[in-house]
Amino acid sequence: MRVGLDVTPAVTTHAGLARYTIQLWSELARREDVVLRAFALGRGSGTALDLPVRRIRVPLRVLRPLWRHTRWPRVESLVGTVDVAHSLALTPAPSRAPQVVTLHDVLPVTHPELYPPETVARFRSELAGARRAALVVTTCEATAQEISRVAGVPRDRIVVAPPGPSHPVEQGVTAVPDEPYVLAVGQVTPRKGFDVLAAAAALLGERCPRVLVAGPNWWRSAEVRATIDTNDRLGRVELLGPVDDVTLGSLYRGATLVCHTSRAEGFGLTCLEAMAAGAPLVATDLPSVRELVDAAAVLVEVGDASQLAGAISELLGDPDERASLGEAGRRRAAQFSWLRTADSVVGAYRTALAG
């Protein structure tokens, strides 16, 4: 089966979306039942992956109007004849073949206050691509239900293909603090709730260990940093910026506990990464996260710094509970792998072809 795979997020985005794209791309490239014809659009910085890819360095702001008005350039004109076209970006390139679109969430529609206005406007207009696709692939049942509700895609045209842990949690070692620390991972932006974590650290006072936040700046990061500085009276919170995968794996394995404080989430990749590393996890009680962790984490209300501080305090004082929670997380994370993700995605290709 010849698959035209749009891997644009691998070269134009950062953080979770880029890691998802690279991991799925790598797994599909290993398969013998798929002939992968990958392409990437736009002027991104590129990828270090040693995988064949056709780069088309035309700005996406130029390509999108062309697709809307002329239905060109098609996938076939970029990579040759394909049986299925699969877009890992929201807007699929036109194709004569059945189209599969991966849609990670509809948060810019359900939580527009957490995204730049231009992102919200573009997302709303581009949802039409998902509606036209033969099948939509997403990461969990909670998000599948939201896509069906918000985008109007029938549930039977949505395939759930949960990702695996997206970094080598068992490979490589880098130096991490030899003292207790709380770890949080994600872009510095209001959606990730790091201001709530800083407020919880302030409530804990001297009882709070170091709080390390690993991730790049994004929209309204200066505002988030200012709020953290205001709340973090004892200087417990340290923003590390972006880190490589080996460093991230070491940080997860060395963490006393991991806090996932997001206000909205389509899946919760940080939670899966933490569980795979055996780190005890405290996370916000969102439908997608609740589905993912399946009782292998302590869940707290979104935005509730007091409840978060209480959960952190209890785990810090109970090493046996931390060990039990970490082991439960490992068992839960073992149910997820990129091989299974790719199996589900290839199953979607076959269904699209049959349809």
Protein backbone atom coordinates (compact mmCIF):
# COMPACT_ATOMS: atom_id res chain seq x y z
CA MET A 1 0.00 0.00 0.00
CA ARG A 2 1.47 3.33 -1.10
CA VAL A 3 0.88 6.06 1.47
CA GLY A 4 1.48 9.76 0.92
CA LEU A 5 2.33 10.91 4.46
CA ASP A 6 2.35 14.63 5.24
CA VAL A 7 4.93 14.99 8.04
CA THR A 8 4.90 18.80 8.02
CA PRO A 9 4.56 19.07 11.85
CA ALA A 10 7.96 17.39 12.21
CA VAL A 11 9.65 20.38 10.59
CA THR A 12 7.35 23.31 11.39
CA THR A 13 6.30 22.69 15.01
CA HIS A 14 7.86 21.82 18.34
CA ALA A 15 7.00 19.90 21.51
CA GLY A 16 4.30 17.20 21.52
CA LEU A 17 2.98 17.50 17.96
CA ALA A 18 6.45 17.26 16.44
CA ARG A 19 7.38 14.29 18.65
CA TYR A 20 4.14 12.50 17.77
CA THR A 21 4.79 13.00 14.05
CA ILE A 22 8.39 11.78 14.22
CA GLN A 23 7.53 8.70 16.26
CA LEU A 24 4.62 7.61 14.03
CA TRP A 25 6.61 8.38 10.87
CA SER A 26 9.50 6.26 12.14
CA GLU A 27 7.22 3.35 13.05
CA LEU A 28 5.40 3.37 9.71
CA ALA A 29 8.74 3.48 7.86
CA ARG A 30 9.69 0.11 9.46
CA ARG A 31 6.67 -1.71 8.12
CA GLU A 32 6.71 -4.03 5.12
CA ASP A 33 3.02 -3.57 4.34
CA VAL A 34 3.40 0.17 3.69
CA VAL A 35 5.39 1.99 1.01
CA LEU A 36 5.84 5.37 2.62
CA ARG A 37 6.10 8.48 0.48
CA ALA A 38 6.66 11.23 3.02
CA PHE A 39 6.61 14.94 2.31
CA ALA A 40 6.88 18.10 4.40
CA LEU A 41 5.61 21.55 3.47
CA GLY A 42 6.60 25.00 4.64
CA ARG A 43 9.83 26.61 5.76
CA GLY A 44 10.48 24.73 8.98
CA SER A 45 13.92 24.12 10.42
CA GLY A 46 14.02 20.50 9.31
CA THR A 47 14.43 17.22 11.13
CA ALA A 48 17.45 15.13 12.03
CA LEU A 49 15.66 11.89 11.13
CA ASP A 50 17.46 9.81 8.54
CA LEU A 51 14.27 9.08 6.62
CA PRO A 52 13.42 9.85 2.99
CA VAL A 53 11.25 12.94 2.74
CA ARG A 54 10.34 15.35 -0.03
CA ARG A 55 10.69 18.94 1.22
CA ILE A 56 8.55 21.62 -0.40
CA ARG A 57 9.75 24.90 1.08
CA VAL A 58 6.77 26.99 0.02
CA PRO A 59 5.16 28.91 2.91
CA LEU A 60 1.95 27.32 4.15
CA ARG A 61 0.21 30.70 3.92
CA VAL A 62 0.74 30.43 0.13
CA LEU A 63 -0.22 26.77 -0.20
CA ARG A 64 -3.47 26.85 1.78
CA PRO A 65 -5.23 29.37 -0.53
CA LEU A 66 -4.03 27.37 -3.54
CA TRP A 67 -5.57 24.21 -2.12
CA ARG A 68 -8.87 25.95 -1.41
CA HIS A 69 -9.23 27.64 -4.78
CA THR A 70 -7.40 25.37 -7.27
CA ARG A 71 -7.09 21.98 -5.48
CA TRP A 72 -3.41 22.05 -6.43
CA PRO A 73 -0.68 20.98 -5.82
CA ARG A 74 -1.99 17.50 -5.15
CA VAL A 75 -0.18 14.87 -3.11
CA GLU A 76 0.38 12.96 -6.35
CA SER A 77 2.26 15.88 -7.89
CA LEU A 78 4.54 15.99 -4.84
CA VAL A 79 5.38 12.31 -4.30
CA GLY A 80 3.79 10.32 -7.13
CA THR A 81 0.83 7.94 -7.18
CA VAL A 82 -0.52 6.93 -3.75
CA ASP A 83 -3.30 4.64 -2.58
CA VAL A 84 -4.01 6.66 0.58
CA ALA A 85 -3.07 10.21 1.61
CA HIS A 86 -2.54 10.80 5.33
CA SER A 87 -2.13 14.29 6.76
CA LEU A 88 -0.58 14.72 10.21
CA ALA A 89 -1.28 18.44 9.83
CA LEU A 90 -4.84 19.73 10.11
CA THR A 91 -5.16 20.96 6.52
CA PRO A 92 -4.68 18.03 4.12
CA ALA A 93 -3.08 18.51 0.72
CA PRO A 94 -5.58 17.65 -2.06
CA SER A 95 -5.41 14.12 -3.43
CA ARG A 96 -7.32 11.79 -5.73
CA ALA A 97 -6.78 9.02 -3.18
CA PRO A 98 -8.88 8.45 -0.04
CA GLN A 99 -7.74 10.83 2.70
CA VAL A 100 -7.01 10.18 6.35
CA VAL A 101 -6.50 13.15 8.69
CA THR A 102 -5.02 13.03 12.18
CA LEU A 103 -6.81 15.44 14.52
CA HIS A 104 -5.34 15.61 18.02
CA ASP A 105 -8.05 17.78 19.59
CA VAL A 106 -10.57 20.54 19.00
CA LEU A 107 -9.33 22.69 21.88
CA PRO A 108 -9.03 25.93 19.85
CA VAL A 109 -12.82 25.70 19.43
CA THR A 110 -13.75 24.49 22.93
CA HIS A 111 -11.12 26.61 24.75
CA PRO A 112 -10.40 29.58 22.46
CA GLU A 113 -9.12 31.68 25.37
CA LEU A 114 -6.08 29.38 25.59
CA TYR A 115 -4.92 29.94 22.00
CA PRO A 116 -3.85 32.92 19.86
CA PRO A 117 -6.85 34.45 18.05
CA GLU A 118 -5.27 33.75 14.64
CA THR A 119 -4.87 30.07 15.59
CA VAL A 120 -8.52 29.86 16.60
CA ALA A 121 -9.70 31.48 13.37
CA ARG A 122 -7.50 29.25 11.19
CA PHE A 123 -8.49 26.11 13.09
CA ARG A 124 -12.20 26.82 12.64
CA SER A 125 -11.76 27.29 8.89
CA GLU A 126 -9.55 24.23 8.52
CA LEU A 127 -11.90 21.82 10.28
CA ALA A 128 -13.54 21.40 6.88
CA GLY A 129 -10.57 19.23 5.88
CA ALA A 130 -11.36 16.81 8.67
CA ARG A 131 -15.04 16.73 7.74
CA ARG A 132 -14.19 15.81 4.12
CA ALA A 133 -11.71 13.07 5.01
CA ALA A 134 -12.60 9.42 4.59
CA LEU A 135 -11.43 8.82 8.18
CA VAL A 136 -10.16 10.88 11.10
CA VAL A 137 -7.50 9.44 13.42
CA THR A 138 -7.28 10.69 17.00
CA THR A 139 -5.65 9.68 20.27
CA CYS A 140 -8.40 8.71 22.74
CA GLU A 141 -12.12 8.09 23.04
CA ALA A 142 -12.79 11.31 24.96
CA THR A 143 -11.30 13.36 22.13
CA ALA A 144 -13.11 11.25 19.51
CA GLN A 145 -16.40 12.19 21.16
CA GLU A 146 -15.42 15.88 21.20
CA ILE A 147 -14.43 15.79 17.51
CA SER A 148 -17.76 14.23 16.64
CA ARG A 149 -19.65 16.82 18.71
CA VAL A 150 -17.72 19.92 17.66
CA ALA A 151 -16.67 19.12 14.09
CA GLY A 152 -19.73 17.10 13.10
CA VAL A 153 -17.69 14.05 12.03
CA PRO A 154 -19.72 10.86 12.53
CA ARG A 155 -18.21 8.73 15.29
CA ASP A 156 -17.94 5.72 12.98
CA ARG A 157 -15.53 7.72 10.79
CA ILE A 158 -13.13 8.34 13.70
CA VAL A 159 -10.38 5.83 14.56
CA VAL A 160 -8.79 5.95 18.03
CA ALA A 161 -5.05 5.21 17.85
CA PRO A 162 -3.39 6.12 21.17
CA PRO A 163 0.31 7.03 20.91
CA GLY A 164 3.15 5.40 22.78
CA PRO A 165 5.73 7.11 25.00
CA SER A 166 7.44 9.56 22.69
CA HIS A 167 11.00 9.62 23.93
CA PRO A 168 13.60 6.96 24.89
CA VAL A 169 12.73 6.75 28.59
CA GLU A 170 15.04 3.78 29.11
CA GLN A 171 17.98 5.00 27.05
CA GLY A 172 20.73 7.45 27.87
CA VAL A 173 21.61 9.20 31.09
CA THR A 174 22.24 12.86 31.78
CA ALA A 175 22.91 14.59 35.05
CA VAL A 176 19.81 15.43 37.11
CA PRO A 177 19.55 16.95 40.59
CA ASP A 178 20.55 14.56 43.38
CA GLU A 179 17.92 16.10 45.64
CA PRO A 180 14.12 15.68 45.54
CA TYR A 181 12.36 17.61 42.79
CA VAL A 182 8.95 17.95 41.19
CA LEU A 183 8.91 17.87 37.38
CA ALA A 184 6.49 19.51 34.96
CA VAL A 185 6.77 19.28 31.17
CA GLY A 186 5.21 21.35 28.40
CA GLN A 187 5.18 24.65 26.59
CA VAL A 188 5.20 27.75 28.77
CA THR A 189 1.72 29.02 27.92
CA PRO A 190 -1.46 29.53 29.98
CA ARG A 191 -2.99 26.21 28.87
CA LYS A 192 -0.35 24.20 30.72
CA GLY A 193 -1.20 25.67 34.14
CA PHE A 194 2.34 26.25 35.38
CA ASP A 195 1.08 29.33 37.21
CA VAL A 196 -1.15 27.02 39.28
CA LEU A 197 1.87 24.83 40.05
CA ALA A 198 3.81 27.89 41.23
CA ALA A 199 0.88 28.87 43.46
CA ALA A 200 0.81 25.34 44.91
CA ALA A 201 4.57 25.55 45.58
CA ALA A 202 3.99 28.82 47.44
CA LEU A 203 1.30 27.18 49.58
CA LEU A 204 3.72 24.39 50.49
CA GLY A 205 6.39 26.91 51.45
CA GLU A 206 9.55 25.40 52.91
CA ARG A 207 8.14 21.89 52.46
CA CYS A 208 8.25 22.22 48.68
CA PRO A 209 11.29 20.79 46.88
CA ARG A 210 12.64 22.28 43.66
CA VAL A 211 10.11 22.48 40.84
CA LEU A 212 11.64 22.00 37.38
CA VAL A 213 9.66 22.98 34.29
CA ALA A 214 10.98 21.61 30.97
CA GLY A 215 9.60 23.08 27.76
CA PRO A 216 9.85 25.94 25.27
CA ASN A 217 8.12 29.30 25.43
CA TRP A 218 4.90 29.76 23.48
CA TRP A 219 1.96 32.14 23.34
CA ARG A 220 1.76 34.50 26.37
CA SER A 221 4.84 32.91 27.93
CA ALA A 222 5.98 36.28 29.33
CA GLU A 223 2.66 36.58 31.17
CA VAL A 224 3.02 33.06 32.59
CA ARG A 225 6.61 33.75 33.69
CA ALA A 226 5.54 36.99 35.40
CA THR A 227 2.77 35.17 37.30
CA ILE A 228 5.21 32.43 38.34
CA ASP A 229 7.65 35.06 39.62
CA THR A 230 4.87 36.70 41.63
CA ASN A 231 3.69 33.41 43.16
CA ASP A 232 7.10 31.82 43.66
CA ARG A 233 8.15 33.82 46.70
CA LEU A 234 10.74 31.26 47.82
CA GLY A 235 12.29 30.74 44.39
CA ARG A 236 11.35 27.07 44.10
CA VAL A 237 10.36 27.08 40.40
CA GLU A 238 13.07 26.81 37.74
CA LEU A 239 12.19 27.10 34.03
CA LEU A 240 14.67 24.91 32.12
CA GLY A 241 13.50 25.77 28.60
CA PRO A 242 13.45 23.05 25.92
CA VAL A 243 15.48 19.88 26.64
CA ASP A 244 16.49 16.98 24.40
CA ASP A 245 14.86 13.55 24.66
CA VAL A 246 17.68 11.90 26.61
CA THR A 247 17.66 14.71 29.18
CA LEU A 248 13.88 14.52 29.39
CA GLY A 249 14.01 10.77 30.00
CA SER A 250 16.55 11.26 32.78
CA LEU A 251 14.44 14.01 34.35
CA TYR A 252 11.38 11.75 34.38
CA ARG A 253 13.26 8.84 35.94
CA GLY A 254 14.83 11.01 38.62
CA ALA A 255 11.72 12.96 39.58
CA THR A 256 10.25 12.56 43.05
CA LEU A 257 6.92 13.13 41.32
CA VAL A 258 5.58 14.63 38.09
CA CYS A 259 2.82 17.25 37.98
CA HIS A 260 0.63 17.66 34.90
CA THR A 261 -1.35 20.85 35.53
CA SER A 262 -2.92 21.43 32.11
CA ARG A 263 -6.24 23.30 31.84
CA ALA A 264 -7.23 21.42 28.66
CA GLU A 265 -5.72 18.43 26.86
CA GLY A 266 -6.46 16.25 23.88
CA PHE A 267 -4.52 13.28 25.25
CA GLY A 268 -1.88 14.05 27.87
CA LEU A 269 1.42 12.81 26.44
CA THR A 270 3.32 14.07 29.49
CA CYS A 271 1.24 11.74 31.66
CA LEU A 272 2.11 8.74 29.50
CA GLU A 273 5.80 9.65 29.49
CA ALA A 274 5.83 10.01 33.27
CA MET A 275 4.07 6.68 33.82
CA ALA A 276 6.40 4.91 31.39
CA ALA A 277 9.35 6.18 33.43
CA GLY A 278 7.79 4.95 36.68
CA ALA A 279 7.37 8.46 38.09
CA PRO A 280 4.43 9.01 40.46
CA LEU A 281 1.98 11.34 38.77
CA VAL A 282 -0.37 14.11 39.91
CA ALA A 283 -2.57 15.36 37.07
CA THR A 284 -5.58 17.55 36.43
CA ASP A 285 -8.86 15.67 36.16
CA LEU A 286 -9.64 16.08 32.47
CA PRO A 287 -11.67 13.49 30.49
CA SER A 288 -8.73 12.57 28.23
CA VAL A 289 -6.31 12.32 31.14
CA ARG A 290 -8.74 10.29 33.23
CA GLU A 291 -9.10 7.84 30.34
CA LEU A 292 -5.34 7.64 29.86
CA VAL A 293 -4.16 7.13 33.45
CA ASP A 294 -6.99 4.74 34.47
CA ALA A 295 -6.46 5.22 38.24
CA ALA A 296 -2.64 5.17 37.95
CA ALA A 297 -2.35 8.82 39.05
CA VAL A 298 -3.68 11.23 41.65
CA LEU A 299 -6.21 13.53 39.95
CA VAL A 300 -6.98 17.08 41.10
CA GLU A 301 -9.42 19.74 39.95
CA VAL A 302 -8.29 22.02 37.13
CA GLY A 303 -6.88 25.31 38.44
CA ASP A 304 -7.13 24.33 42.13
CA ALA A 305 -3.74 25.25 43.64
CA SER A 306 -4.83 24.24 47.15
CA GLN A 307 -5.87 20.73 46.08
CA LEU A 308 -2.69 20.38 44.04
CA ALA A 309 -0.56 21.43 47.01
CA GLY A 310 -2.35 18.89 49.20
CA ALA A 311 -1.74 16.05 46.72
CA ILE A 312 1.93 16.98 46.39
CA SER A 313 2.33 17.18 50.16
CA GLU A 314 0.74 13.77 50.74
CA LEU A 315 2.97 12.06 48.16
CA LEU A 316 6.13 13.78 49.40
CA GLY A 317 5.41 12.40 52.86
CA ASP A 318 4.60 8.85 51.73
CA PRO A 319 7.42 7.07 49.86
CA ASP A 320 5.49 3.78 49.84
CA GLU A 321 2.55 5.43 48.05
CA ARG A 322 4.92 7.04 45.57
CA ALA A 323 6.45 3.64 44.81
CA SER A 324 3.02 2.03 44.45
CA LEU A 325 1.79 4.80 42.18
CA GLY A 326 4.94 4.64 40.06
CA GLU A 327 4.55 0.90 39.58
CA ALA A 328 0.87 1.28 38.67
CA GLY A 329 1.91 3.87 36.10
CA ARG A 330 4.47 1.52 34.55
CA ARG A 331 1.84 -1.19 34.19
CA ARG A 332 -0.61 1.22 32.60
CA ALA A 333 1.98 2.71 30.23
CA ALA A 334 3.02 -0.79 29.09
CA GLN A 335 -0.35 -1.02 27.35
CA PHE A 336 0.72 1.74 24.93
CA SER A 337 3.31 1.45 22.16
CA TRP A 338 4.05 3.02 18.81
CA LEU A 339 3.78 -0.42 17.19
CA ARG A 340 0.15 -0.58 18.32
CA THR A 341 -0.38 3.00 17.16
CA ALA A 342 0.93 2.14 13.70
CA ASP A 343 -1.21 -1.02 13.56
CA SER A 344 -4.32 1.08 14.22
CA VAL A 345 -3.31 3.72 11.68
CA VAL A 346 -2.64 1.12 8.96
CA GLY A 347 -6.01 -0.41 9.82
CA ALA A 348 -7.51 3.03 9.14
CA TYR A 349 -5.76 3.09 5.74
CA ARG A 350 -7.29 -0.26 4.84
CA THR A 351 -10.74 0.89 5.94
CA ALA A 352 -10.40 4.08 3.89
CA LEU A 353 -9.41 2.04 0.84
CA ALA A 354 -12.27 -0.40 1.32
CA GLY A 355 -14.72 2.49 1.70
